[in-house]
N, C-alpha and C. Protein backbone atom coordinates (compact mmCIF):
# COMPACT_ATOMS: atom_id res chain seq x y z
N MET A 1 -8.61 64.67 28.92
CA MET A 1 -9.54 65.28 28.25
C MET A 1 -11.13 65.23 28.62
N GLU A 2 -11.03 65.31 30.30
CA GLU A 2 -12.27 65.33 30.93
C GLU A 2 -13.04 66.17 30.03
N LEU A 3 -14.59 66.59 30.47
CA LEU A 3 -15.18 68.00 29.92
C LEU A 3 -15.04 69.06 31.05
N GLN A 4 -13.39 69.20 30.88
CA GLN A 4 -13.12 70.79 32.08
C GLN A 4 -13.63 71.89 30.72
N LEU A 5 -14.41 72.48 30.98
CA LEU A 5 -14.43 73.76 30.21
C LEU A 5 -13.80 74.68 30.73
N THR A 6 -13.07 75.45 29.48
CA THR A 6 -12.08 76.28 30.20
C THR A 6 -12.51 77.52 30.57
N GLY A 7 -11.93 78.48 31.48
CA GLY A 7 -12.52 79.91 32.04
C GLY A 7 -13.09 80.50 31.11
N SER A 8 -12.87 80.49 29.31
CA SER A 8 -13.55 81.23 28.77
C SER A 8 -14.53 80.82 28.16
N GLU A 9 -14.64 79.22 28.03
CA GLU A 9 -15.94 78.70 27.84
C GLU A 9 -16.81 78.74 28.64
N LYS A 10 -16.74 78.75 29.88
CA LYS A 10 -17.59 78.73 31.12
C LYS A 10 -17.73 80.12 31.12
N ASN A 11 -17.30 81.26 30.70
CA ASN A 11 -17.63 82.59 30.39
C ASN A 11 -18.68 82.99 29.45
N ILE A 12 -18.42 82.19 28.66
CA ILE A 12 -19.57 82.37 27.27
C ILE A 12 -20.68 81.86 27.67
N LEU A 13 -20.71 80.82 27.91
CA LEU A 13 -21.80 79.75 28.96
C LEU A 13 -23.22 81.10 29.59
N ARG A 14 -21.73 81.25 30.64
CA ARG A 14 -22.58 81.90 31.79
C ARG A 14 -23.19 83.79 30.75
N LYS A 15 -22.48 84.36 30.46
CA LYS A 15 -23.15 85.10 29.68
C LYS A 15 -24.44 85.46 28.79
N LYS A 16 -24.01 83.90 28.56
CA LYS A 16 -25.19 83.54 27.36
C LYS A 16 -26.63 82.46 28.03
N ARG A 17 -26.23 82.60 29.03
CA ARG A 17 -27.11 82.36 30.28
C ARG A 17 -27.94 80.77 29.75
N ILE A 18 -26.61 79.90 29.50
CA ILE A 18 -26.43 78.74 29.29
C ILE A 18 -26.43 77.55 30.26
N GLY A 19 -26.94 76.49 30.63
CA GLY A 19 -25.79 75.89 31.35
C GLY A 19 -25.76 74.39 30.87
N ARG A 20 -24.78 73.69 31.31
CA ARG A 20 -24.27 72.43 30.76
C ARG A 20 -25.05 71.49 30.30
N LYS A 21 -26.05 71.46 31.37
CA LYS A 21 -27.21 70.29 30.47
C LYS A 21 -28.17 71.06 29.55
N GLU A 22 -28.44 72.26 29.22
CA GLU A 22 -28.52 73.25 27.78
C GLU A 22 -27.31 72.71 26.61
N LEU A 23 -26.28 72.64 27.22
CA LEU A 23 -25.28 72.41 26.16
C LEU A 23 -25.08 70.70 25.53
N ALA A 24 -25.80 69.89 26.19
CA ALA A 24 -25.84 68.70 25.96
C ALA A 24 -26.77 68.67 24.67
N LYS A 25 -27.68 69.31 24.67
CA LYS A 25 -28.36 69.54 23.58
C LYS A 25 -28.31 69.83 21.97
N LYS A 26 -27.03 70.47 21.95
CA LYS A 26 -26.61 71.43 21.16
C LYS A 26 -26.06 70.07 20.03
N THR A 27 -25.86 71.01 18.95
CA THR A 27 -25.43 70.25 18.00
C THR A 27 -23.70 70.52 17.79
N THR A 28 -22.45 69.82 17.32
CA THR A 28 -21.50 70.18 17.25
C THR A 28 -21.26 71.29 16.48
N ASP A 29 -22.04 71.30 15.31
CA ASP A 29 -21.82 73.20 14.68
C ASP A 29 -22.31 74.06 15.48
N GLU A 30 -22.85 73.83 16.51
CA GLU A 30 -23.88 74.78 17.68
C GLU A 30 -22.78 74.91 18.62
N ILE A 31 -22.42 74.39 19.21
CA ILE A 31 -21.17 74.05 20.21
C ILE A 31 -19.84 74.79 19.68
N ARG A 32 -19.84 74.25 18.41
CA ARG A 32 -18.29 75.32 17.79
C ARG A 32 -18.69 76.64 17.79
N VAL A 33 -19.97 77.42 17.26
CA VAL A 33 -20.14 78.82 16.80
C VAL A 33 -20.43 79.26 18.54
N LEU A 34 -21.13 78.63 19.59
CA LEU A 34 -21.52 79.25 20.54
C LEU A 34 -19.82 79.44 21.88
N LEU A 35 -19.21 78.60 21.31
CA LEU A 35 -17.88 78.14 22.42
C LEU A 35 -17.05 78.86 21.69
N GLU A 36 -16.79 79.29 20.62
CA GLU A 36 -16.09 79.81 20.11
C GLU A 36 -14.68 78.89 19.38
N VAL A 37 -14.84 77.69 19.84
CA VAL A 37 -13.72 76.85 19.98
C VAL A 37 -13.57 76.30 18.47
N SER A 38 -12.57 75.00 18.38
CA SER A 38 -12.06 74.50 17.15
C SER A 38 -13.32 73.19 16.50
N LEU A 39 -13.42 72.70 15.68
CA LEU A 39 -14.26 72.08 15.28
C LEU A 39 -14.01 70.36 15.99
N GLU A 40 -12.77 70.00 16.27
CA GLU A 40 -12.54 69.27 17.20
C GLU A 40 -12.68 69.14 18.62
N ARG A 41 -12.76 70.36 18.81
CA ARG A 41 -13.18 70.27 20.52
C ARG A 41 -14.85 70.36 20.39
N ALA A 42 -15.02 71.12 19.98
CA ALA A 42 -16.89 70.97 19.67
C ALA A 42 -17.42 69.58 19.65
N ARG A 43 -16.64 69.09 18.59
CA ARG A 43 -16.93 67.23 18.63
C ARG A 43 -15.96 66.42 20.09
N ASN A 44 -15.75 66.54 20.51
CA ASN A 44 -15.40 66.47 21.64
C ASN A 44 -16.76 66.33 22.80
N ILE A 45 -16.53 67.85 22.97
CA ILE A 45 -17.53 68.04 24.18
C ILE A 45 -19.13 67.46 23.74
N HIS A 46 -19.33 67.68 22.25
CA HIS A 46 -20.75 66.95 21.73
C HIS A 46 -20.72 65.20 22.05
N ALA A 47 -19.59 65.18 21.63
CA ALA A 47 -19.23 63.06 22.09
C ALA A 47 -19.36 62.72 23.47
N ILE A 48 -19.17 63.82 24.25
CA ILE A 48 -19.10 63.43 25.61
C ILE A 48 -20.27 63.37 26.20
N CYS A 49 -21.17 64.60 25.95
CA CYS A 49 -22.30 65.35 26.33
C CYS A 49 -23.13 63.85 25.79
N GLU A 50 -23.03 63.62 24.55
CA GLU A 50 -24.00 62.30 24.16
C GLU A 50 -23.95 61.13 24.91
N PHE A 51 -22.60 60.98 25.06
CA PHE A 51 -22.23 59.42 26.05
C PHE A 51 -23.34 59.30 27.14
N GLN A 52 -23.05 60.52 27.69
CA GLN A 52 -23.63 60.83 29.04
C GLN A 52 -24.96 60.50 29.66
N LYS A 53 -25.56 60.33 27.84
CA LYS A 53 -27.16 60.00 27.93
C LYS A 53 -27.76 58.96 28.52
N ILE A 54 -26.44 58.14 28.07
CA ILE A 54 -27.34 56.77 28.41
C ILE A 54 -26.69 56.44 30.25
N PRO A 55 -27.72 56.22 30.37
CA PRO A 55 -27.79 55.69 31.47
C PRO A 55 -26.48 54.90 32.18
N SER A 56 -25.74 55.13 33.04
CA SER A 56 -25.00 54.77 34.18
C SER A 56 -23.29 55.08 33.42
N VAL A 57 -23.41 55.87 32.26
CA VAL A 57 -22.33 56.45 31.78
C VAL A 57 -21.79 57.42 31.83
N GLY A 58 -20.49 57.72 32.56
CA GLY A 58 -20.19 59.02 33.36
C GLY A 58 -19.32 59.68 32.23
N ILE A 59 -18.83 60.64 33.02
CA ILE A 59 -17.64 61.52 32.12
C ILE A 59 -16.36 60.80 31.85
N ARG A 60 -16.30 60.34 32.84
CA ARG A 60 -15.12 59.50 32.80
C ARG A 60 -14.83 58.41 31.84
N PHE A 61 -16.06 57.67 31.76
CA PHE A 61 -16.16 56.83 30.15
C PHE A 61 -16.25 57.03 29.08
N ALA A 62 -16.90 58.34 29.14
CA ALA A 62 -17.82 59.10 27.84
C ALA A 62 -16.29 59.98 27.44
N THR A 63 -15.21 60.35 28.35
CA THR A 63 -14.31 60.66 27.57
C THR A 63 -13.57 59.37 27.04
N ASP A 64 -13.03 58.30 28.16
CA ASP A 64 -12.61 57.22 27.51
C ASP A 64 -12.65 56.99 25.97
N LEU A 65 -14.30 57.21 25.76
CA LEU A 65 -14.53 56.67 24.23
C LEU A 65 -13.95 57.52 23.49
N VAL A 66 -14.44 58.78 23.60
CA VAL A 66 -13.60 59.50 22.94
C VAL A 66 -12.00 59.35 22.57
N GLU A 67 -11.44 59.34 23.23
CA GLU A 67 -10.30 59.01 23.50
C GLU A 67 -9.87 57.69 22.67
N LEU A 68 -11.21 56.72 22.36
CA LEU A 68 -10.17 55.87 21.53
C LEU A 68 -11.27 56.21 20.31
N GLY A 69 -11.34 57.27 19.56
CA GLY A 69 -11.70 57.97 18.46
C GLY A 69 -12.92 57.73 18.25
N ILE A 70 -13.71 57.41 19.38
CA ILE A 70 -15.39 56.76 19.05
C ILE A 70 -16.45 58.22 19.45
N TYR A 71 -17.01 58.59 18.71
CA TYR A 71 -17.74 60.06 19.14
C TYR A 71 -18.93 59.88 18.63
N SER A 72 -19.83 58.54 18.24
CA SER A 72 -21.05 58.62 18.18
C SER A 72 -21.46 57.30 18.53
N LEU A 73 -22.78 57.00 19.25
CA LEU A 73 -23.44 55.72 18.84
C LEU A 73 -23.19 54.95 17.42
N ASP A 74 -23.26 55.80 16.47
CA ASP A 74 -23.18 55.16 15.16
C ASP A 74 -21.65 54.57 15.16
N ASP A 75 -20.88 55.37 15.55
CA ASP A 75 -19.23 54.31 15.80
C ASP A 75 -19.18 53.05 16.42
N LEU A 76 -20.17 52.90 17.24
CA LEU A 76 -20.38 51.84 18.16
C LEU A 76 -20.93 50.53 17.22
N LYS A 77 -21.70 51.00 16.45
CA LYS A 77 -22.39 50.18 15.60
C LYS A 77 -21.46 48.96 14.72
N GLY A 78 -22.03 47.51 15.36
CA GLY A 78 -20.95 46.40 14.96
C GLY A 78 -19.62 46.02 15.25
N ARG A 79 -19.29 46.78 16.55
CA ARG A 79 -18.26 47.01 16.93
C ARG A 79 -18.15 45.58 18.22
N ASP A 80 -17.14 45.12 18.51
CA ASP A 80 -17.08 44.19 19.61
C ASP A 80 -16.60 44.70 20.70
N ALA A 81 -17.28 44.57 21.95
CA ALA A 81 -16.96 45.09 22.97
C ALA A 81 -16.17 44.72 23.48
N SER A 82 -15.58 43.15 23.54
CA SER A 82 -14.39 42.50 24.66
C SER A 82 -13.17 43.44 23.13
N ASP A 83 -13.63 43.15 22.05
CA ASP A 83 -12.40 44.56 21.25
C ASP A 83 -11.58 45.68 21.42
N LEU A 84 -12.96 46.43 21.76
CA LEU A 84 -13.23 47.24 22.63
C LEU A 84 -12.30 47.41 23.60
N LEU A 85 -12.36 46.83 24.91
CA LEU A 85 -11.38 46.66 25.78
C LEU A 85 -10.44 46.23 25.47
N ASN A 86 -10.18 45.15 25.09
CA ASN A 86 -8.63 45.10 24.77
C ASN A 86 -7.80 46.08 24.18
N ALA A 87 -8.36 46.83 22.90
CA ALA A 87 -7.72 48.16 22.35
C ALA A 87 -7.72 49.13 23.66
N PHE A 88 -8.22 49.21 24.61
CA PHE A 88 -8.13 50.06 25.30
C PHE A 88 -7.25 49.71 26.45
N GLU A 89 -7.37 48.47 26.81
CA GLU A 89 -6.50 48.11 27.69
C GLU A 89 -4.67 48.39 27.18
N LEU A 90 -4.72 48.22 26.14
CA LEU A 90 -3.35 48.20 25.42
C LEU A 90 -3.11 50.04 25.26
N LYS A 91 -3.84 50.61 24.89
CA LYS A 91 -3.60 52.28 25.00
C LYS A 91 -3.11 52.69 26.43
N GLN A 92 -4.04 51.98 27.59
CA GLN A 92 -3.31 52.14 28.82
C GLN A 92 -2.63 52.13 28.97
N GLY A 93 -1.95 50.70 28.74
CA GLY A 93 -0.62 49.88 29.22
C GLY A 93 -1.08 49.33 30.51
N PHE A 94 -2.35 49.01 30.90
CA PHE A 94 -2.45 48.40 31.98
C PHE A 94 -4.03 47.98 32.08
N TRP A 95 -4.16 46.48 32.77
CA TRP A 95 -5.45 46.30 32.68
C TRP A 95 -6.44 46.89 33.75
N ILE A 96 -7.82 46.71 33.11
CA ILE A 96 -8.46 47.53 33.79
C ILE A 96 -9.77 46.79 34.70
N ASP A 97 -10.68 47.48 35.55
CA ASP A 97 -11.43 47.10 36.31
C ASP A 97 -12.33 46.16 35.37
N PRO A 98 -12.86 44.92 35.36
CA PRO A 98 -13.49 44.28 34.71
C PRO A 98 -14.71 45.01 34.34
N CYS A 99 -15.16 45.47 35.37
CA CYS A 99 -16.58 46.71 34.76
C CYS A 99 -16.89 47.73 34.02
N VAL A 100 -15.30 47.80 33.50
CA VAL A 100 -15.31 49.00 31.98
C VAL A 100 -15.33 47.89 30.85
N GLU A 101 -15.20 46.70 30.73
CA GLU A 101 -15.83 45.99 29.66
C GLU A 101 -17.49 45.79 29.77
N ASP A 102 -18.38 46.04 31.01
CA ASP A 102 -19.71 45.81 31.11
C ASP A 102 -20.04 47.34 30.62
N GLN A 103 -19.22 48.18 30.82
CA GLN A 103 -19.62 49.82 29.94
C GLN A 103 -19.59 49.38 28.51
N PHE A 104 -18.53 48.79 28.18
CA PHE A 104 -18.23 48.82 26.32
C PHE A 104 -19.65 47.63 26.02
N ARG A 105 -19.51 47.01 26.80
CA ARG A 105 -20.92 46.26 26.37
C ARG A 105 -22.29 46.60 26.24
N LEU A 106 -22.47 47.50 27.21
CA LEU A 106 -23.87 48.63 27.48
C LEU A 106 -24.00 49.58 26.29
N VAL A 107 -22.82 50.15 26.04
CA VAL A 107 -22.58 51.36 24.89
C VAL A 107 -22.84 50.49 23.37
N VAL A 108 -21.90 49.61 22.98
CA VAL A 108 -22.35 49.01 22.08
C VAL A 108 -23.97 48.27 21.97
N TYR A 109 -24.23 47.75 23.10
CA TYR A 109 -25.89 47.39 22.71
C TYR A 109 -26.78 48.44 22.60
N THR A 110 -26.72 49.85 23.11
CA THR A 110 -27.52 50.67 22.83
C THR A 110 -27.15 51.19 21.79
N ALA A 111 -26.09 51.51 21.37
CA ALA A 111 -25.73 51.75 19.77
C ALA A 111 -26.56 50.78 18.77
N GLU A 112 -26.77 49.54 19.15
CA GLU A 112 -27.00 48.79 17.77
C GLU A 112 -28.84 48.46 18.42
N THR A 113 -29.17 48.55 19.55
CA THR A 113 -30.79 48.40 19.60
C THR A 113 -31.69 50.04 20.07
N GLY A 114 -30.88 51.14 20.46
CA GLY A 114 -31.71 52.27 20.89
C GLY A 114 -31.98 52.25 22.14
N ASP A 115 -32.31 50.99 22.88
CA ASP A 115 -32.76 50.24 23.98
C ASP A 115 -31.48 51.36 24.95
N LYS A 116 -32.05 52.21 26.05
CA LYS A 116 -31.32 53.05 26.91
C LYS A 116 -31.90 52.96 28.47
N THR A 117 -32.39 51.63 28.43
CA THR A 117 -32.75 51.63 29.56
C THR A 117 -32.06 50.21 30.41
N LYS A 118 -30.96 49.92 30.00
CA LYS A 118 -30.09 48.97 30.68
C LYS A 118 -28.83 50.09 31.49
N LYS A 119 -28.53 49.46 32.04
CA LYS A 119 -27.20 49.67 32.82
C LYS A 119 -26.05 49.03 32.68
N TRP A 120 -24.88 49.24 33.06
CA TRP A 120 -23.75 48.00 32.51
C TRP A 120 -23.75 47.08 33.34
N TRP A 121 -23.95 47.25 34.51
CA TRP A 121 -24.54 46.01 35.66
C TRP A 121 -25.01 45.10 34.72
N ASP A 122 -25.72 45.18 34.21
CA ASP A 122 -26.97 44.33 32.94
C ASP A 122 -26.25 43.38 32.41
N PHE A 123 -24.59 43.55 32.08
CA PHE A 123 -23.89 42.88 31.26
C PHE A 123 -22.60 42.16 31.51
N THR A 124 -22.87 42.51 32.67
CA THR A 124 -21.75 41.19 34.04
C THR A 124 -21.67 40.18 33.56
N ALA A 125 -22.82 39.78 33.90
CA ALA A 125 -23.12 37.66 33.48
C ALA A 125 -22.47 37.40 32.11
N GLU A 126 -23.16 38.47 31.19
CA GLU A 126 -22.79 38.25 29.55
C GLU A 126 -20.81 38.48 29.39
N ARG A 127 -20.62 39.34 30.47
CA ARG A 127 -18.92 39.22 30.50
C ARG A 127 -18.38 38.43 30.95
N LYS A 128 -18.63 37.91 32.46
CA LYS A 128 -18.16 36.58 33.31
C LYS A 128 -18.02 35.43 32.01
N ARG A 129 -19.05 35.18 31.38
CA ARG A 129 -19.66 34.13 30.38
C ARG A 129 -18.61 33.85 29.70
N PHE A 130 -18.63 35.27 28.78
CA PHE A 130 -17.75 35.48 27.22
C PHE A 130 -16.12 35.67 27.81
N ARG A 131 -15.65 35.82 28.91
CA ARG A 131 -13.88 35.66 28.98
C ARG A 131 -13.81 34.33 29.81
N MET A 132 -15.00 33.65 30.36
CA MET A 132 -14.84 32.28 30.76
C MET A 132 -14.50 31.51 29.81
N LYS A 133 -14.91 31.63 28.87
CA LYS A 133 -15.10 30.64 27.30
C LYS A 133 -13.76 31.29 26.86
N HIS A 134 -13.62 32.28 26.17
CA HIS A 134 -12.67 32.98 25.82
C HIS A 134 -11.13 33.71 26.33
N GLY A 135 -11.36 33.53 27.50
CA GLY A 135 -10.14 34.22 28.23
C GLY A 135 -9.81 35.86 27.25
N TYR A 136 -8.77 36.08 28.02
CA TYR A 136 -7.80 37.67 27.07
C TYR A 136 -6.64 36.91 26.67
N PRO A 137 -6.95 37.98 25.54
CA PRO A 137 -5.35 37.85 24.89
C PRO A 137 -4.17 37.83 25.30
N SER A 138 -3.37 37.12 24.71
CA SER A 138 -1.88 37.13 25.33
C SER A 138 -1.36 38.50 25.29
N SER A 139 -1.60 39.62 24.31
CA SER A 139 -1.02 40.78 24.25
C SER A 139 -1.68 42.10 25.28
N ARG A 140 -2.46 41.24 26.26
CA ARG A 140 -2.81 41.99 27.52
C ARG A 140 -1.64 42.51 28.35
N PRO A 141 -2.07 43.43 28.69
CA PRO A 141 -0.72 44.26 30.12
C PRO A 141 -0.70 43.38 30.86
N LYS A 142 0.51 43.31 31.20
CA LYS A 142 0.83 42.65 32.42
C LYS A 142 0.21 43.31 33.98
N LYS A 143 0.30 44.54 34.02
CA LYS A 143 0.06 44.97 35.25
C LYS A 143 -1.18 45.53 35.59
N ALA A 144 -2.00 45.18 36.71
CA ALA A 144 -3.41 46.03 36.86
C ALA A 144 -3.66 47.51 37.52
N TRP A 145 -4.47 47.92 36.99
CA TRP A 145 -5.51 49.63 37.24
C TRP A 145 -4.84 49.41 38.77
N HIS A 146 -5.19 48.98 39.82
CA HIS A 146 -5.10 48.93 41.03
C HIS A 146 -3.43 48.51 41.52
N GLU A 147 -2.60 48.18 40.77
CA GLU A 147 -1.09 47.91 40.85
C GLU A 147 -0.35 49.47 40.94
N LEU A 148 -1.21 50.45 39.94
CA LEU A 148 -0.15 51.33 39.78
C LEU A 148 0.43 52.14 40.65
N ASP A 149 1.36 52.90 40.36
CA ASP A 149 1.71 54.00 41.63
C ASP A 149 0.88 54.75 41.87
N SER A 150 0.56 55.23 42.70
CA SER A 150 -0.50 56.17 43.13
C SER A 150 0.03 57.83 42.94
């Protein structure tokens, strides 16, 4: 579900002389009306744009958050980053690069503090300490992301 705009959506933006960066400044309702899309599509586009405003969060991770049903920083308040990673790995069916957990820690931190000065790697030591103490759940998929067939 990457923010691949359809040909029609791109044409609308071109005709209205609106760049993708400008799209990120629009509300969900504005996106819905502007692009003539469903509320769900507009919500996804808005969320992906919003998450990318956090330093070191790219389109892939922003899309992963939306695929988990997370559409705003408010949705992340009070959440546990390790639980989010565990749910994400179960959904994917394989365990993922540990740095992704650092990204979950970053977005939860940003949601709770409003601080957008940190980057994902600022949470690596925290993740390592946590995993050293708690490990991973027994339900964790056995196969790693790098073992998947290309």
